[in-house]
All heavy atoms as atom14 arrays in JSON, in Angstrom:
{
  "sequence": "MGIVTTGLISFTLLALNLGFSSGFVLTWLRSWSIAY",
  "atom14_mask": [
    [1, 1, 1, 1, 1, 1, 1, 1, 0, 0, 0, 0, 0, 0],
    [1, 1, 1, 1, 0, 0, 0, 0, 0, 0, 0, 0, 0, 0],
    [1, 1, 1, 1, 1, 1, 1, 1, 0, 0, 0, 0, 0, 0],
    [1, 1, 1, 1, 1, 1, 1, 0, 0, 0, 0, 0, 0, 0],
    [1, 1, 1, 1, 1, 1, 1, 0, 0, 0, 0, 0, 0, 0],
    [1, 1, 1, 1, 1, 1, 1, 0, 0, 0, 0, 0, 0, 0],
    [1, 1, 1, 1, 0, 0, 0, 0, 0, 0, 0, 0, 0, 0],
    [1, 1, 1, 1, 1, 1, 1, 1, 0, 0, 0, 0, 0, 0],
    [1, 1, 1, 1, 1, 1, 1, 1, 0, 0, 0, 0, 0, 0],
    [1, 1, 1, 1, 1, 1, 0, 0, 0, 0, 0, 0, 0, 0],
    [1, 1, 1, 1, 1, 1, 1, 1, 1, 1, 1, 0, 0, 0],
    [1, 1, 1, 1, 1, 1, 1, 0, 0, 0, 0, 0, 0, 0],
    [1, 1, 1, 1, 1, 1, 1, 1, 0, 0, 0, 0, 0, 0],
    [1, 1, 1, 1, 1, 1, 1, 1, 0, 0, 0, 0, 0, 0],
    [1, 1, 1, 1, 1, 0, 0, 0, 0, 0, 0, 0, 0, 0],
    [1, 1, 1, 1, 1, 1, 1, 1, 0, 0, 0, 0, 0, 0],
    [1, 1, 1, 1, 1, 1, 1, 1, 0, 0, 0, 0, 0, 0],
    [1, 1, 1, 1, 1, 1, 1, 1, 0, 0, 0, 0, 0, 0],
    [1, 1, 1, 1, 0, 0, 0, 0, 0, 0, 0, 0, 0, 0],
    [1, 1, 1, 1, 1, 1, 1, 1, 1, 1, 1, 0, 0, 0],
    [1, 1, 1, 1, 1, 1, 0, 0, 0, 0, 0, 0, 0, 0],
    [1, 1, 1, 1, 1, 1, 0, 0, 0, 0, 0, 0, 0, 0],
    [1, 1, 1, 1, 0, 0, 0, 0, 0, 0, 0, 0, 0, 0],
    [1, 1, 1, 1, 1, 1, 1, 1, 1, 1, 1, 0, 0, 0],
    [1, 1, 1, 1, 1, 1, 1, 0, 0, 0, 0, 0, 0, 0],
    [1, 1, 1, 1, 1, 1, 1, 1, 0, 0, 0, 0, 0, 0],
    [1, 1, 1, 1, 1, 1, 1, 0, 0, 0, 0, 0, 0, 0],
    [1, 1, 1, 1, 1, 1, 1, 1, 1, 1, 1, 1, 1, 1],
    [1, 1, 1, 1, 1, 1, 1, 1, 0, 0, 0, 0, 0, 0],
    [1, 1, 1, 1, 1, 1, 1, 1, 1, 1, 1, 0, 0, 0],
    [1, 1, 1, 1, 1, 1, 0, 0, 0, 0, 0, 0, 0, 0],
    [1, 1, 1, 1, 1, 1, 1, 1, 1, 1, 1, 1, 1, 1],
    [1, 1, 1, 1, 1, 1, 0, 0, 0, 0, 0, 0, 0, 0],
    [1, 1, 1, 1, 1, 1, 1, 1, 0, 0, 0, 0, 0, 0],
    [1, 1, 1, 1, 1, 0, 0, 0, 0, 0, 0, 0, 0, 0],
    [1, 1, 1, 1, 1, 1, 1, 1, 1, 1, 1, 1, 0, 0]
  ],
  "atom14_positions": [
    [[100.52, 95.75, 119.59], [101.87, 95.3, 119.4], [102.02, 94.35, 118.32], [103.03, 94.28, 117.61], [102.31, 94.76, 120.82], [103.82, 94.52, 120.76], [104.34, 93.91, 122.36], [105.98, 93.32, 122.05], [0.0, 0.0, 0.0], [0.0, 0.0, 0.0], [0.0, 0.0, 0.0], [0.0, 0.0, 0.0], [0.0, 0.0, 0.0], [0.0, 0.0, 0.0]],
    [[101.12, 93.4, 118.26], [101.22, 92.37, 117.24], [101.09, 93.02, 115.83], [101.85, 92.55, 114.85], [0.0, 0.0, 0.0], [0.0, 0.0, 0.0], [0.0, 0.0, 0.0], [0.0, 0.0, 0.0], [0.0, 0.0, 0.0], [0.0, 0.0, 0.0], [0.0, 0.0, 0.0], [0.0, 0.0, 0.0], [0.0, 0.0, 0.0], [0.0, 0.0, 0.0]],
    [[100.25, 93.96, 115.57], [100.12, 94.64, 114.22], [101.49, 95.3, 113.9], [101.94, 95.07, 112.74], [98.97, 95.65, 114.28], [97.59, 94.97, 114.27], [99.07, 96.57, 113.05], [96.39, 95.86, 114.51], [0.0, 0.0, 0.0], [0.0, 0.0, 0.0], [0.0, 0.0, 0.0], [0.0, 0.0, 0.0], [0.0, 0.0, 0.0], [0.0, 0.0, 0.0]],
    [[101.96, 96.03, 114.82], [103.16, 96.81, 114.43], [104.4, 95.81, 114.27], [105.16, 95.97, 113.27], [103.57, 97.84, 115.53], [104.86, 98.45, 115.4], [102.42, 98.83, 115.74], [0.0, 0.0, 0.0], [0.0, 0.0, 0.0], [0.0, 0.0, 0.0], [0.0, 0.0, 0.0], [0.0, 0.0, 0.0], [0.0, 0.0, 0.0], [0.0, 0.0, 0.0]],
    [[104.63, 94.94, 115.26], [105.83, 94.12, 115.08], [105.77, 93.1, 113.89], [106.76, 92.92, 113.18], [106.06, 93.29, 116.35], [104.85, 92.55, 116.77], [106.4, 94.25, 117.54], [0.0, 0.0, 0.0], [0.0, 0.0, 0.0], [0.0, 0.0, 0.0], [0.0, 0.0, 0.0], [0.0, 0.0, 0.0], [0.0, 0.0, 0.0], [0.0, 0.0, 0.0]],
    [[104.65, 92.45, 113.73], [104.56, 91.53, 112.64], [104.61, 92.18, 111.31], [105.07, 91.68, 110.37], [103.2, 90.66, 112.75], [102.12, 91.44, 112.76], [103.33, 89.71, 113.94], [0.0, 0.0, 0.0], [0.0, 0.0, 0.0], [0.0, 0.0, 0.0], [0.0, 0.0, 0.0], [0.0, 0.0, 0.0], [0.0, 0.0, 0.0], [0.0, 0.0, 0.0]],
    [[103.95, 93.36, 111.25], [104.01, 94.13, 109.94], [105.4, 94.57, 109.58], [105.89, 94.28, 108.47], [0.0, 0.0, 0.0], [0.0, 0.0, 0.0], [0.0, 0.0, 0.0], [0.0, 0.0, 0.0], [0.0, 0.0, 0.0], [0.0, 0.0, 0.0], [0.0, 0.0, 0.0], [0.0, 0.0, 0.0], [0.0, 0.0, 0.0], [0.0, 0.0, 0.0]],
    [[106.17, 95.06, 110.6], [107.48, 95.53, 110.26], [108.4, 94.34, 109.93], [109.2, 94.39, 108.95], [108.09, 96.3, 111.41], [107.41, 97.68, 111.61], [107.93, 98.3, 112.9], [107.91, 98.63, 110.37], [0.0, 0.0, 0.0], [0.0, 0.0, 0.0], [0.0, 0.0, 0.0], [0.0, 0.0, 0.0], [0.0, 0.0, 0.0], [0.0, 0.0, 0.0]],
    [[108.43, 93.36, 110.67], [109.34, 92.2, 110.54], [108.98, 91.46, 109.23], [109.91, 91.16, 108.38], [109.24, 91.27, 111.73], [109.86, 92.01, 112.92], [109.97, 89.99, 111.44], [109.63, 91.27, 114.25], [0.0, 0.0, 0.0], [0.0, 0.0, 0.0], [0.0, 0.0, 0.0], [0.0, 0.0, 0.0], [0.0, 0.0, 0.0], [0.0, 0.0, 0.0]],
    [[107.75, 91.15, 108.95], [107.41, 90.51, 107.75], [107.72, 91.34, 106.43], [108.25, 90.69, 105.53], [105.9, 90.13, 107.72], [105.04, 91.15, 107.71], [0.0, 0.0, 0.0], [0.0, 0.0, 0.0], [0.0, 0.0, 0.0], [0.0, 0.0, 0.0], [0.0, 0.0, 0.0], [0.0, 0.0, 0.0], [0.0, 0.0, 0.0], [0.0, 0.0, 0.0]],
    [[107.48, 92.65, 106.51], [107.81, 93.43, 105.37], [109.34, 93.48, 105.18], [109.74, 93.32, 104.05], [107.29, 94.87, 105.67], [107.59, 95.83, 104.55], [106.76, 95.87, 103.44], [108.74, 96.57, 104.57], [106.99, 96.7, 102.39], [108.98, 97.46, 103.51], [108.11, 97.61, 102.42], [0.0, 0.0, 0.0], [0.0, 0.0, 0.0], [0.0, 0.0, 0.0]],
    [[110.12, 93.73, 106.27], [111.53, 93.75, 106.06], [112.18, 92.46, 105.64], [112.92, 92.43, 104.59], [112.18, 94.11, 107.37], [111.6, 95.29, 107.88], [113.73, 94.29, 107.34], [0.0, 0.0, 0.0], [0.0, 0.0, 0.0], [0.0, 0.0, 0.0], [0.0, 0.0, 0.0], [0.0, 0.0, 0.0], [0.0, 0.0, 0.0], [0.0, 0.0, 0.0]],
    [[111.67, 91.32, 106.22], [112.3, 90.05, 105.73], [111.9, 89.66, 104.3], [112.74, 89.16, 103.58], [111.87, 88.93, 106.7], [112.49, 88.96, 108.09], [111.99, 87.98, 108.93], [114.02, 88.89, 108.08], [0.0, 0.0, 0.0], [0.0, 0.0, 0.0], [0.0, 0.0, 0.0], [0.0, 0.0, 0.0], [0.0, 0.0, 0.0], [0.0, 0.0, 0.0]],
    [[110.67, 89.95, 103.9], [110.27, 89.66, 102.55], [110.99, 90.55, 101.57], [111.39, 90.1, 100.53], [108.85, 89.78, 102.33], [107.95, 88.56, 102.73], [106.47, 88.9, 102.74], [108.28, 87.36, 101.99], [0.0, 0.0, 0.0], [0.0, 0.0, 0.0], [0.0, 0.0, 0.0], [0.0, 0.0, 0.0], [0.0, 0.0, 0.0], [0.0, 0.0, 0.0]],
    [[111.16, 91.84, 101.9], [111.87, 92.81, 101.08], [113.32, 92.35, 100.85], [113.86, 92.48, 99.79], [111.8, 94.2, 101.57], [0.0, 0.0, 0.0], [0.0, 0.0, 0.0], [0.0, 0.0, 0.0], [0.0, 0.0, 0.0], [0.0, 0.0, 0.0], [0.0, 0.0, 0.0], [0.0, 0.0, 0.0], [0.0, 0.0, 0.0], [0.0, 0.0, 0.0]],
    [[113.98, 91.85, 101.94], [115.34, 91.43, 101.88], [115.5, 90.18, 101.19], [116.51, 90.02, 100.3], [115.99, 91.46, 103.28], [116.11, 92.67, 103.98], [116.6, 92.45, 105.42], [117.25, 93.59, 103.27], [0.0, 0.0, 0.0], [0.0, 0.0, 0.0], [0.0, 0.0, 0.0], [0.0, 0.0, 0.0], [0.0, 0.0, 0.0], [0.0, 0.0, 0.0]],
    [[114.65, 89.22, 101.4], [114.75, 87.9, 100.79], [114.21, 87.78, 99.28], [114.79, 87.03, 98.59], [114.19, 86.73, 101.69], [114.93, 86.68, 103.01], [116.14, 86.73, 103.02], [114.2, 86.37, 104.06], [0.0, 0.0, 0.0], [0.0, 0.0, 0.0], [0.0, 0.0, 0.0], [0.0, 0.0, 0.0], [0.0, 0.0, 0.0], [0.0, 0.0, 0.0]],
    [[113.09, 88.4, 99.09], [112.47, 88.24, 97.78], [112.63, 89.55, 96.86], [112.56, 89.33, 95.69], [110.96, 87.94, 97.92], [110.57, 86.68, 98.61], [109.1, 86.55, 98.7], [111.14, 85.48, 97.92], [0.0, 0.0, 0.0], [0.0, 0.0, 0.0], [0.0, 0.0, 0.0], [0.0, 0.0, 0.0], [0.0, 0.0, 0.0], [0.0, 0.0, 0.0]],
    [[112.84, 90.59, 97.46], [112.84, 91.88, 96.72], [111.44, 92.26, 96.38], [110.46, 91.63, 96.8], [0.0, 0.0, 0.0], [0.0, 0.0, 0.0], [0.0, 0.0, 0.0], [0.0, 0.0, 0.0], [0.0, 0.0, 0.0], [0.0, 0.0, 0.0], [0.0, 0.0, 0.0], [0.0, 0.0, 0.0], [0.0, 0.0, 0.0], [0.0, 0.0, 0.0]],
    [[111.36, 93.37, 95.74], [110.05, 93.97, 95.38], [109.6, 93.42, 94.02], [109.62, 94.15, 92.98], [109.99, 95.44, 95.42], [110.32, 95.95, 96.79], [111.44, 96.54, 97.06], [109.29, 96.0, 97.79], [111.73, 97.09, 98.43], [109.5, 96.51, 99.03], [110.8, 97.11, 99.24], [0.0, 0.0, 0.0], [0.0, 0.0, 0.0], [0.0, 0.0, 0.0]],
    [[109.06, 92.25, 94.04], [108.6, 91.56, 92.78], [107.11, 91.92, 92.47], [106.46, 92.65, 93.26], [108.7, 90.03, 92.89], [107.95, 89.53, 93.95], [0.0, 0.0, 0.0], [0.0, 0.0, 0.0], [0.0, 0.0, 0.0], [0.0, 0.0, 0.0], [0.0, 0.0, 0.0], [0.0, 0.0, 0.0], [0.0, 0.0, 0.0], [0.0, 0.0, 0.0]],
    [[106.5, 91.4, 91.5], [105.13, 91.8, 91.18], [104.1, 91.27, 92.22], [103.1, 91.9, 92.46], [104.74, 91.24, 89.8], [104.89, 89.79, 89.85], [0.0, 0.0, 0.0], [0.0, 0.0, 0.0], [0.0, 0.0, 0.0], [0.0, 0.0, 0.0], [0.0, 0.0, 0.0], [0.0, 0.0, 0.0], [0.0, 0.0, 0.0], [0.0, 0.0, 0.0]],
    [[104.38, 90.16, 92.9], [103.44, 89.63, 93.75], [103.8, 89.94, 95.22], [103.31, 89.25, 96.26], [0.0, 0.0, 0.0], [0.0, 0.0, 0.0], [0.0, 0.0, 0.0], [0.0, 0.0, 0.0], [0.0, 0.0, 0.0], [0.0, 0.0, 0.0], [0.0, 0.0, 0.0], [0.0, 0.0, 0.0], [0.0, 0.0, 0.0], [0.0, 0.0, 0.0]],
    [[104.65, 91.0, 95.45], [105.15, 91.29, 96.78], [104.03, 91.67, 97.81], [104.01, 91.08, 98.92], [106.17, 92.43, 96.69], [106.69, 92.89, 98.11], [107.66, 92.18, 98.61], [106.14, 93.93, 98.82], [108.22, 92.46, 99.89], [106.64, 94.31, 100.0], [107.63, 93.59, 100.58], [0.0, 0.0, 0.0], [0.0, 0.0, 0.0], [0.0, 0.0, 0.0]],
    [[103.11, 92.49, 97.39], [102.05, 92.88, 98.32], [101.18, 91.78, 98.82], [100.9, 91.58, 99.98], [101.27, 94.08, 97.76], [100.14, 94.46, 98.64], [102.08, 95.29, 97.42], [0.0, 0.0, 0.0], [0.0, 0.0, 0.0], [0.0, 0.0, 0.0], [0.0, 0.0, 0.0], [0.0, 0.0, 0.0], [0.0, 0.0, 0.0], [0.0, 0.0, 0.0]],
    [[100.74, 90.97, 97.94], [99.95, 89.78, 98.24], [100.68, 88.74, 99.11], [100.13, 88.24, 100.07], [99.39, 89.16, 97.02], [98.35, 89.91, 96.32], [97.92, 89.09, 94.98], [97.22, 90.19, 97.03], [0.0, 0.0, 0.0], [0.0, 0.0, 0.0], [0.0, 0.0, 0.0], [0.0, 0.0, 0.0], [0.0, 0.0, 0.0], [0.0, 0.0, 0.0]],
    [[101.98, 88.52, 98.8], [102.79, 87.64, 99.63], [102.95, 88.2, 100.95], [102.88, 87.52, 102.05], [104.14, 87.38, 98.97], [104.0, 86.87, 97.63], [104.93, 86.37, 99.68], [0.0, 0.0, 0.0], [0.0, 0.0, 0.0], [0.0, 0.0, 0.0], [0.0, 0.0, 0.0], [0.0, 0.0, 0.0], [0.0, 0.0, 0.0], [0.0, 0.0, 0.0]],
    [[103.22, 89.52, 101.05], [103.46, 90.18, 102.33], [102.18, 90.11, 103.29], [102.21, 89.78, 104.44], [103.84, 91.65, 102.18], [103.98, 92.4, 103.4], [104.61, 92.02, 104.59], [103.32, 93.66, 103.69], [104.46, 93.08, 105.53], [103.69, 93.98, 104.98], [102.53, 94.56, 103.02], [103.17, 95.17, 105.6], [102.07, 95.61, 103.47], [102.39, 96.02, 104.89]],
    [[101.03, 90.43, 102.65], [99.77, 90.35, 103.38], [99.43, 88.91, 103.85], [98.96, 88.87, 105.04], [98.56, 90.91, 102.59], [98.66, 92.45, 102.26], [97.55, 92.85, 101.33], [98.48, 93.24, 103.54], [0.0, 0.0, 0.0], [0.0, 0.0, 0.0], [0.0, 0.0, 0.0], [0.0, 0.0, 0.0], [0.0, 0.0, 0.0], [0.0, 0.0, 0.0]],
    [[99.76, 87.98, 103.05], [99.49, 86.58, 103.45], [100.47, 86.27, 104.69], [100.0, 85.65, 105.67], [99.71, 85.59, 102.35], [99.48, 84.23, 102.73], [99.64, 83.33, 101.5], [99.42, 81.93, 101.77], [100.42, 81.06, 102.1], [101.6, 81.49, 102.17], [100.11, 79.82, 102.48], [0.0, 0.0, 0.0], [0.0, 0.0, 0.0], [0.0, 0.0, 0.0]],
    [[101.71, 86.56, 104.56], [102.73, 86.14, 105.65], [102.44, 87.04, 106.93], [102.56, 86.61, 108.02], [104.14, 86.32, 105.22], [104.38, 87.71, 104.86], [0.0, 0.0, 0.0], [0.0, 0.0, 0.0], [0.0, 0.0, 0.0], [0.0, 0.0, 0.0], [0.0, 0.0, 0.0], [0.0, 0.0, 0.0], [0.0, 0.0, 0.0], [0.0, 0.0, 0.0]],
    [[102.02, 88.21, 106.68], [101.58, 89.09, 107.76], [100.43, 88.59, 108.62], [100.46, 88.59, 109.86], [101.37, 90.49, 107.32], [101.15, 91.61, 108.45], [101.32, 91.43, 109.75], [100.82, 92.95, 108.24], [101.08, 92.5, 110.42], [100.8, 93.58, 109.51], [100.55, 93.72, 107.1], [100.53, 94.88, 109.71], [100.24, 94.98, 107.28], [100.26, 95.66, 108.62]],
    [[99.44, 88.12, 107.94], [98.2, 87.5, 108.58], [98.6, 86.31, 109.32], [98.07, 86.15, 110.47], [97.09, 87.45, 107.62], [97.43, 86.44, 106.63], [0.0, 0.0, 0.0], [0.0, 0.0, 0.0], [0.0, 0.0, 0.0], [0.0, 0.0, 0.0], [0.0, 0.0, 0.0], [0.0, 0.0, 0.0], [0.0, 0.0, 0.0], [0.0, 0.0, 0.0]],
    [[99.34, 85.5, 108.78], [99.77, 84.23, 109.43], [100.55, 84.56, 110.68], [100.28, 83.98, 111.8], [100.55, 83.32, 108.49], [99.63, 82.77, 107.44], [101.15, 82.17, 109.2], [100.33, 82.07, 106.26], [0.0, 0.0, 0.0], [0.0, 0.0, 0.0], [0.0, 0.0, 0.0], [0.0, 0.0, 0.0], [0.0, 0.0, 0.0], [0.0, 0.0, 0.0]],
    [[101.47, 85.45, 110.57], [102.34, 85.78, 111.65], [101.49, 86.48, 112.77], [101.71, 86.32, 113.99], [103.51, 86.77, 111.31], [0.0, 0.0, 0.0], [0.0, 0.0, 0.0], [0.0, 0.0, 0.0], [0.0, 0.0, 0.0], [0.0, 0.0, 0.0], [0.0, 0.0, 0.0], [0.0, 0.0, 0.0], [0.0, 0.0, 0.0], [0.0, 0.0, 0.0]],
    [[100.61, 87.33, 112.42], [99.62, 87.99, 113.34], [98.85, 86.97, 114.12], [98.7, 87.01, 115.43], [98.71, 88.95, 112.69], [97.96, 89.82, 113.59], [98.48, 90.81, 114.32], [96.6, 89.62, 113.69], [97.76, 91.62, 115.15], [95.94, 90.32, 114.54], [96.42, 91.35, 115.24], [95.75, 92.12, 116.1], [0.0, 0.0, 0.0], [0.0, 0.0, 0.0]]
  ]
}
């Protein structure tokens, strides 16, 4: 449950707030791991 929920929420919020910039994937993985 933690993998699914934190992955979806962190991806959605970063995409909405930052957009798909060049460092999106690294920022998303970092925030996903902290949230997890």
